[in-house]
Amino acid sequence: MTIPVRPAILALALSPAPALATDPPAVGTVRELPVVSVSLAVGSTDRDTKRVVYAPPPGWYVRSHKVRVSHRAGTVTYSVSTVPAGWNWTNDERAAASGRASGSVGVTLPGVVPAGGQAAGAHESAVTGRQANTSSHHVLVVDVSARAAGLCQGGAALDLTIVAEMVYLGQ
C-alpha cells in the first residue's frame, strides 16, 4: 500500500528551517531605514532648536543618509553630522540680547508744585552654553533650528526624516 504524498506537505518538509529572530544578519547586509524624525514649529516671535542623536544597534554602522523634508515654512535650518566611534566633540552656543527702555513720570499733588522726570536705561545680557559629548560608537547628530519672522508676520516650521543606509559589520 502506498501513501499518497501531497505536494504542499513535501514542499514544507524540504524547505530549510526559518531563521530565528535572534539570529544576527549576515555580515555585509545593507538596510535602508528611517531612523530619525523631527518636527519643529514656532509662533510669531518665537525661536527654538532641537538636537537628536541616533545610535544604531550594535554591529550596525551608518554608511550614508538622506534627508527627506516633508514640510518647510519660514526661517529654518538643519544639519546632519556623522560622528565616528570614540570621538569627543564640544558644542559652544552663545546668544546675546540687548534692549533699551525709557519712560516718563509726572506727579501732581495738592498744594505741591507739579514735578516730573524721565528715566532711561539699557541692558545687555549674554547666555553661553557648552556641551561636551563622547560617542561610544558611530552616531548621527541632527540639529534643527526655527526662527519666526516677527509679530504678525508668521511662524516657522520644519518636518524632516533622516533615512539611513546601514550595513551590518558584525559584533
C-alpha atoms as a PDB file:
ATOM      1  CA  MET A   1       0.000   0.000   0.000  1.00  0.00           C
ATOM      2  CA  THR A   2       1.379   3.356  -0.965  1.00  0.00           C
ATOM      3  CA  ILE A   3       0.588   6.573   0.851  1.00  0.00           C
ATOM      4  CA  PRO A   4      -0.143   9.493  -1.443  1.00  0.00           C
ATOM      5  CA  VAL A   5       2.182  12.444  -0.810  1.00  0.00           C
ATOM      6  CA  ARG A   6       0.627  15.831  -1.267  1.00  0.00           C
ATOM      7  CA  PRO A   7       2.893  18.486  -2.883  1.00  0.00           C
ATOM      8  CA  ALA A   8       2.303  21.048  -0.098  1.00  0.00           C
ATOM      9  CA  ILE A   9       3.449  18.621   2.590  1.00  0.00           C
ATOM     10  CA  LEU A  10       6.510  17.642   0.538  1.00  0.00           C
ATOM     11  CA  ALA A  11       7.456  21.302  -0.013  1.00  0.00           C
ATOM     12  CA  LEU A  12       7.144  22.006   3.702  1.00  0.00           C
ATOM     13  CA  ALA A  13       9.305  19.023   4.591  1.00  0.00           C
ATOM     14  CA  LEU A  14      12.044  20.023   2.133  1.00  0.00           C
ATOM     15  CA  SER A  15      12.199  23.771   2.955  1.00  0.00           C
ATOM     16  CA  PRO A  16      15.004  24.992   5.202  1.00  0.00           C
ATOM     17  CA  ALA A  17      14.198  25.973   8.772  1.00  0.00           C
ATOM     18  CA  PRO A  18      13.212  29.637   9.142  1.00  0.00           C
ATOM     19  CA  ALA A  19      15.814  31.925  10.706  1.00  0.00           C
ATOM     20  CA  LEU A  20      15.116  32.834  14.292  1.00  0.00           C
ATOM     21  CA  ALA A  21      14.543  36.491  15.180  1.00  0.00           C
ATOM     22  CA  THR A  22      17.558  36.363  17.490  1.00  0.00           C
ATOM     23  CA  ASP A  23      19.945  35.266  14.726  1.00  0.00           C
ATOM     24  CA  PRO A  24      22.156  38.167  13.595  1.00  0.00           C
ATOM     25  CA  PRO A  25      22.049  39.108   9.907  1.00  0.00           C
ATOM     26  CA  ALA A  26      24.858  38.088   7.596  1.00  0.00           C
ATOM     27  CA  VAL A  27      27.910  40.349   7.605  1.00  0.00           C
ATOM     28  CA  GLY A  28      27.554  42.888   4.794  1.00  0.00           C
ATOM     29  CA  THR A  29      23.761  43.040   4.965  1.00  0.00           C
ATOM     30  CA  VAL A  30      22.566  46.502   3.895  1.00  0.00           C
ATOM     31  CA  ARG A  31      19.289  48.068   5.014  1.00  0.00           C
ATOM     32  CA  GLU A  32      17.784  51.475   4.367  1.00  0.00           C
ATOM     33  CA  LEU A  33      15.570  52.626   7.239  1.00  0.00           C
ATOM     34  CA  PRO A  34      14.014  55.866   8.525  1.00  0.00           C
ATOM     35  CA  VAL A  35      15.915  56.427  11.778  1.00  0.00           C
ATOM     36  CA  VAL A  36      15.098  59.987  12.925  1.00  0.00           C
ATOM     37  CA  SER A  37      12.006  62.148  12.517  1.00  0.00           C
ATOM     38  CA  VAL A  38      11.987  65.742  13.738  1.00  0.00           C
ATOM     39  CA  SER A  39       9.098  68.183  13.833  1.00  0.00           C
ATOM     40  CA  LEU A  40       9.613  71.766  14.986  1.00  0.00           C
ATOM     41  CA  ALA A  41       7.172  74.692  14.847  1.00  0.00           C
ATOM     42  CA  VAL A  42       7.340  78.182  16.389  1.00  0.00           C
ATOM     43  CA  GLY A  43       4.916  81.104  16.565  1.00  0.00           C
ATOM     44  CA  SER A  44       5.229  84.746  15.564  1.00  0.00           C
ATOM     45  CA  THR A  45       8.198  85.880  17.727  1.00  0.00           C
ATOM     46  CA  ASP A  46       9.487  82.534  18.980  1.00  0.00           C
ATOM     47  CA  ARG A  47      12.596  80.551  18.180  1.00  0.00           C
ATOM     48  CA  ASP A  48      13.505  77.003  19.091  1.00  0.00           C
ATOM     49  CA  THR A  49      16.217  74.413  18.481  1.00  0.00           C
ATOM     50  CA  LYS A  50      16.341  70.643  18.829  1.00  0.00           C
ATOM     51  CA  ARG A  51      19.175  68.145  18.807  1.00  0.00           C
ATOM     52  CA  VAL A  52      18.574  64.455  18.179  1.00  0.00           C
ATOM     53  CA  VAL A  53      21.283  61.797  18.399  1.00  0.00           C
ATOM     54  CA  TYR A  54      20.745  58.406  16.748  1.00  0.00           C
ATOM     55  CA  ALA A  55      22.980  55.468  17.616  1.00  0.00           C
ATOM     56  CA  PRO A  56      22.451  52.319  15.533  1.00  0.00           C
ATOM     57  CA  PRO A  57      22.187  48.919  17.220  1.00  0.00           C
ATOM     58  CA  PRO A  58      25.463  47.083  17.970  1.00  0.00           C
ATOM     59  CA  GLY A  59      27.156  45.796  14.834  1.00  0.00           C
ATOM     60  CA  TRP A  60      25.349  48.215  12.514  1.00  0.00           C
ATOM     61  CA  TYR A  61      27.052  51.267  11.003  1.00  0.00           C
ATOM     62  CA  VAL A  62      25.558  54.161   9.075  1.00  0.00           C
ATOM     63  CA  ARG A  63      27.107  54.144   5.595  1.00  0.00           C
ATOM     64  CA  SER A  64      25.152  57.136   4.258  1.00  0.00           C
ATOM     65  CA  HIS A  65      21.990  59.100   4.923  1.00  0.00           C
ATOM     66  CA  LYS A  66      19.327  61.082   3.068  1.00  0.00           C
ATOM     67  CA  VAL A  67      17.258  63.970   4.382  1.00  0.00           C
ATOM     68  CA  ARG A  68      13.600  63.986   3.387  1.00  0.00           C
ATOM     69  CA  VAL A  69      11.819  67.260   4.155  1.00  0.00           C
ATOM     70  CA  SER A  70       8.031  66.888   4.122  1.00  0.00           C
ATOM     71  CA  HIS A  71       7.193  70.438   5.278  1.00  0.00           C
ATOM     72  CA  ARG A  72       9.237  73.628   5.485  1.00  0.00           C
ATOM     73  CA  ALA A  73       7.988  77.154   6.223  1.00  0.00           C
ATOM     74  CA  GLY A  74       9.733  80.319   7.394  1.00  0.00           C
ATOM     75  CA  THR A  75      13.335  80.583   8.542  1.00  0.00           C
ATOM     76  CA  VAL A  76      14.545  77.090   9.408  1.00  0.00           C
ATOM     77  CA  THR A  77      17.935  75.414   9.308  1.00  0.00           C
ATOM     78  CA  TYR A  78      19.122  71.884   9.872  1.00  0.00           C
ATOM     79  CA  SER A  79      22.361  69.935   9.818  1.00  0.00           C
ATOM     80  CA  VAL A  80      23.133  66.231   9.963  1.00  0.00           C
ATOM     81  CA  SER A  81      26.565  65.130  11.157  1.00  0.00           C
ATOM     82  CA  THR A  82      28.134  61.698  11.372  1.00  0.00           C
ATOM     83  CA  VAL A  83      30.352  61.144  14.398  1.00  0.00           C
ATOM     84  CA  PRO A  84      32.634  58.082  14.390  1.00  0.00           C
ATOM     85  CA  ALA A  85      33.074  55.856  17.412  1.00  0.00           C
ATOM     86  CA  GLY A  86      35.418  57.080  20.114  1.00  0.00           C
ATOM     87  CA  TRP A  87      35.338  60.751  19.128  1.00  0.00           C
ATOM     88  CA  ASN A  88      34.901  63.605  21.567  1.00  0.00           C
ATOM     89  CA  TRP A  89      33.234  66.817  20.447  1.00  0.00           C
ATOM     90  CA  THR A  90      32.092  70.044  22.039  1.00  0.00           C
ATOM     91  CA  ASN A  91      29.377  72.490  21.149  1.00  0.00           C
ATOM     92  CA  ASP A  92      29.574  76.160  22.154  1.00  0.00           C
ATOM     93  CA  GLU A  93      26.410  78.190  21.987  1.00  0.00           C
ATOM     94  CA  ARG A  94      26.224  81.911  22.595  1.00  0.00           C
ATOM     95  CA  ALA A  95      23.127  84.062  22.477  1.00  0.00           C
ATOM     96  CA  ALA A  96      23.172  87.784  23.154  1.00  0.00           C
ATOM     97  CA  ALA A  97      20.256  90.059  23.905  1.00  0.00           C
ATOM     98  CA  SER A  98      20.191  93.805  24.314  1.00  0.00           C
ATOM     99  CA  GLY A  99      17.449  96.324  24.733  1.00  0.00           C
ATOM    100  CA  ARG A 100      16.609  99.865  25.699  1.00  0.00           C
ATOM    101  CA  ALA A 101      13.795 101.098  27.877  1.00  0.00           C
ATOM    102  CA  SER A 102      12.624 104.595  28.665  1.00  0.00           C
ATOM    103  CA  GLY A 103       9.707 106.140  30.446  1.00  0.00           C
ATOM    104  CA  SER A 104       8.431 109.368  31.874  1.00  0.00           C
ATOM    105  CA  VAL A 105       6.610 110.120  35.101  1.00  0.00           C
ATOM    106  CA  GLY A 106       4.603 113.089  36.226  1.00  0.00           C
ATOM    107  CA  VAL A 107       3.432 113.727  39.777  1.00  0.00           C
ATOM    108  CA  THR A 108       0.748 116.182  40.811  1.00  0.00           C
ATOM    109  CA  LEU A 109      -0.166 116.507  44.482  1.00  0.00           C
ATOM    110  CA  PRO A 110      -2.486 119.103  46.038  1.00  0.00           C
ATOM    111  CA  GLY A 111      -0.535 122.048  47.395  1.00  0.00           C
ATOM    112  CA  VAL A 112       2.744 120.944  45.760  1.00  0.00           C
ATOM    113  CA  VAL A 113       4.338 122.251  42.593  1.00  0.00           C
ATOM    114  CA  PRO A 114       3.910 119.684  39.810  1.00  0.00           C
ATOM    115  CA  ALA A 115       7.073 117.661  39.189  1.00  0.00           C
ATOM    116  CA  GLY A 116       8.159 115.126  36.646  1.00  0.00           C
ATOM    117  CA  GLY A 117      11.135 113.249  35.400  1.00  0.00           C
ATOM    118  CA  GLN A 118      12.406 110.926  32.792  1.00  0.00           C
ATOM    119  CA  ALA A 119      14.439 107.780  33.057  1.00  0.00           C
ATOM    120  CA  ALA A 120      16.235 105.709  30.503  1.00  0.00           C
ATOM    121  CA  GLY A 121      18.212 102.529  30.778  1.00  0.00           C
ATOM    122  CA  ALA A 122      19.899  99.876  28.739  1.00  0.00           C
ATOM    123  CA  HIS A 123      20.697  96.279  29.415  1.00  0.00           C
ATOM    124  CA  GLU A 124      22.789  93.623  27.774  1.00  0.00           C
ATOM    125  CA  SER A 125      22.976  90.002  28.621  1.00  0.00           C
ATOM    126  CA  ALA A 126      24.776  87.012  27.179  1.00  0.00           C
ATOM    127  CA  VAL A 127      23.991  83.379  27.632  1.00  0.00           C
ATOM    128  CA  THR A 128      26.726  80.895  26.965  1.00  0.00           C
ATOM    129  CA  GLY A 129      26.296  77.160  26.928  1.00  0.00           C
ATOM    130  CA  ARG A 130      28.886  74.470  26.428  1.00  0.00           C
ATOM    131  CA  GLN A 131      28.164  70.850  25.745  1.00  0.00           C
ATOM    132  CA  ALA A 132      30.823  68.160  25.755  1.00  0.00           C
ATOM    133  CA  ASN A 133      29.952  64.793  24.255  1.00  0.00           C
ATOM    134  CA  THR A 134      31.691  61.490  23.716  1.00  0.00           C
ATOM    135  CA  SER A 135      30.427  58.853  21.328  1.00  0.00           C
ATOM    136  CA  SER A 136      30.964  55.266  22.376  1.00  0.00           C
ATOM    137  CA  HIS A 137      30.054  54.171  18.847  1.00  0.00           C
ATOM    138  CA  HIS A 138      29.068  55.592  15.462  1.00  0.00           C
ATOM    139  CA  VAL A 139      26.171  58.112  15.718  1.00  0.00           C
ATOM    140  CA  LEU A 140      24.166  60.597  13.644  1.00  0.00           C
ATOM    141  CA  VAL A 141      23.645  64.040  15.179  1.00  0.00           C
ATOM    142  CA  VAL A 142      20.727  66.090  13.838  1.00  0.00           C
ATOM    143  CA  ASP A 143      20.428  69.800  14.747  1.00  0.00           C
ATOM    144  CA  VAL A 144      17.265  71.703  13.788  1.00  0.00           C
ATOM    145  CA  SER A 145      16.505  75.393  14.355  1.00  0.00           C
ATOM    146  CA  ALA A 146      13.439  77.512  13.580  1.00  0.00           C
ATOM    147  CA  ARG A 147      13.021  81.274  13.975  1.00  0.00           C
ATOM    148  CA  ALA A 148       9.786  83.123  13.313  1.00  0.00           C
ATOM    149  CA  ALA A 149       9.719  86.294  11.191  1.00  0.00           C
ATOM    150  CA  GLY A 150       8.198  88.542  13.848  1.00  0.00           C
ATOM    151  CA  LEU A 151       4.949  89.784  15.268  1.00  0.00           C
ATOM    152  CA  CYS A 152       2.089  89.378  12.758  1.00  0.00           C
ATOM    153  CA  GLN A 153       4.479  88.009  10.125  1.00  0.00           C
ATOM    154  CA  GLY A 154       4.027  84.298  10.676  1.00  0.00           C
ATOM    155  CA  GLY A 155       5.884  81.467  12.281  1.00  0.00           C
ATOM    156  CA  ALA A 156       8.309  78.838  11.076  1.00  0.00           C
ATOM    157  CA  ALA A 157       8.034  75.057  10.859  1.00  0.00           C
ATOM    158  CA  LEU A 158      10.026  72.048   9.690  1.00  0.00           C
ATOM    159  CA  ASP A 159       9.188  68.341   9.430  1.00  0.00           C
ATOM    160  CA  LEU A 160      12.002  66.081   8.293  1.00  0.00           C
ATOM    161  CA  THR A 161      13.001  62.436   8.323  1.00  0.00           C
ATOM    162  CA  ILE A 162      16.523  61.032   8.120  1.00  0.00           C
ATOM    163  CA  VAL A 163      16.756  57.779   6.161  1.00  0.00           C
ATOM    164  CA  ALA A 164      19.968  55.904   6.869  1.00  0.00           C
ATOM    165  CA  GLU A 165      21.640  53.277   4.734  1.00  0.00           C
ATOM    166  CA  MET A 166      23.135  50.922   7.292  1.00  0.00           C
ATOM    167  CA  VAL A 167      25.483  47.988   6.880  1.00  0.00           C
ATOM    168  CA  TYR A 168      25.965  45.131   9.331  1.00  0.00           C
ATOM    169  CA  LEU A 169      29.648  44.531  10.116  1.00  0.00           C
ATOM    170  CA  GLY A 170      29.208  42.059  12.938  1.00  0.00           C
ATOM    171  CA  GLN A 171      29.597  42.402  16.649  1.00  0.00           C
END
